[in-house]
Amino acid sequence: MKPKELVAHLRKNQNNNKSLKTVFATQFLGKLESEELDGLMKSINHEKNRRDVAVINEKIEFLKSKGFEVIQSAK
């Protein structure tokens, strides 16, 4: 299965709130071992964090382009 096909299949099996439909989640996720689910969650969290940082950096650059001084603090 190609990545686009997997994404299309996942989207087809989502509820309106973007969570997976119960039957699909049970059938699909139920086939994976706990360690595989942990790895999948780790990869998803990594991608989500990467995207969040990109959005933040985009907003910082926008503010700077409008003449604002952006002060970043450590986490």
Protein backbone atom coordinates (compact mmCIF):
# COMPACT_ATOMS: atom_id res chain seq x y z
CA MET A 1 0.00 0.00 0.00
CA LYS A 2 1.35 3.40 -0.94
CA PRO A 3 1.39 6.25 1.63
CA LYS A 4 -1.35 8.19 -0.19
CA GLU A 5 -3.56 5.10 -0.22
CA LEU A 6 -3.03 4.58 3.51
CA VAL A 7 -3.89 8.21 4.25
CA ALA A 8 -7.03 7.99 2.09
CA HIS A 9 -8.06 4.79 3.87
CA LEU A 10 -7.52 6.35 7.31
CA ARG A 11 -9.47 9.47 6.34
CA LYS A 12 -12.33 7.32 5.04
CA ASN A 13 -12.53 5.68 8.47
CA GLN A 14 -12.60 8.84 10.58
CA ASN A 15 -15.47 10.31 12.52
CA ASN A 16 -16.43 13.97 12.20
CA ASN A 17 -14.08 14.80 15.10
CA LYS A 18 -11.19 13.18 13.17
CA SER A 19 -10.89 10.20 15.54
CA LEU A 20 -10.95 6.73 14.04
CA LYS A 21 -14.28 4.96 13.86
CA THR A 22 -14.55 2.38 16.64
CA VAL A 23 -14.88 -0.65 14.37
CA PHE A 24 -11.94 0.42 12.23
CA ALA A 25 -9.78 1.23 15.26
CA THR A 26 -10.59 -2.13 16.83
CA GLN A 27 -9.91 -4.05 13.63
CA PHE A 28 -6.84 -2.07 12.54
CA LEU A 29 -5.15 -1.18 15.81
CA GLY A 30 -6.15 -4.48 17.38
CA LYS A 31 -3.81 -6.26 14.97
CA LEU A 32 -0.76 -4.40 16.33
CA GLU A 33 1.29 -5.42 19.35
CA SER A 34 1.56 -2.99 22.26
CA GLU A 35 5.17 -2.20 21.35
CA GLU A 36 4.13 -1.45 17.77
CA LEU A 37 1.42 0.92 19.01
CA ASP A 38 4.01 2.63 21.25
CA GLY A 39 6.30 3.07 18.24
CA LEU A 40 3.45 4.40 16.14
CA MET A 41 2.50 6.89 18.87
CA LYS A 42 6.13 7.99 19.20
CA SER A 43 6.34 8.63 15.44
CA ILE A 44 3.02 10.48 15.40
CA ASN A 45 4.04 12.65 18.37
CA HIS A 46 7.38 13.45 16.73
CA GLU A 47 5.66 14.52 13.50
CA LYS A 48 3.05 16.56 15.41
CA ASN A 49 5.77 18.36 17.40
CA ARG A 50 7.74 19.07 14.22
CA ARG A 51 4.67 20.63 12.62
CA ASP A 52 3.86 22.65 15.75
CA VAL A 53 7.38 24.10 15.79
CA ALA A 54 7.08 24.98 12.09
CA VAL A 55 3.81 26.85 12.72
CA ILE A 56 5.35 28.74 15.65
CA ASN A 57 8.40 29.70 13.58
CA GLU A 58 6.13 30.84 10.76
CA LYS A 59 4.20 33.09 13.15
CA ILE A 60 7.42 34.48 14.63
CA GLU A 61 8.69 35.36 11.16
CA PHE A 62 5.37 37.03 10.34
CA LEU A 63 5.54 39.17 13.47
CA LYS A 64 9.16 40.12 12.74
CA SER A 65 8.20 41.09 9.18
CA LYS A 66 5.62 43.48 10.67
CA GLY A 67 8.29 45.13 12.82
CA PHE A 68 7.58 43.40 16.13
CA GLU A 69 10.41 42.30 18.37
CA VAL A 70 9.93 38.68 19.32
CA ILE A 71 11.49 37.54 22.56
CA GLN A 72 11.75 33.78 22.93
CA SER A 73 12.10 32.18 26.31
CA ALA A 74 13.41 28.71 27.10
CA LYS A 75 10.92 25.95 27.87
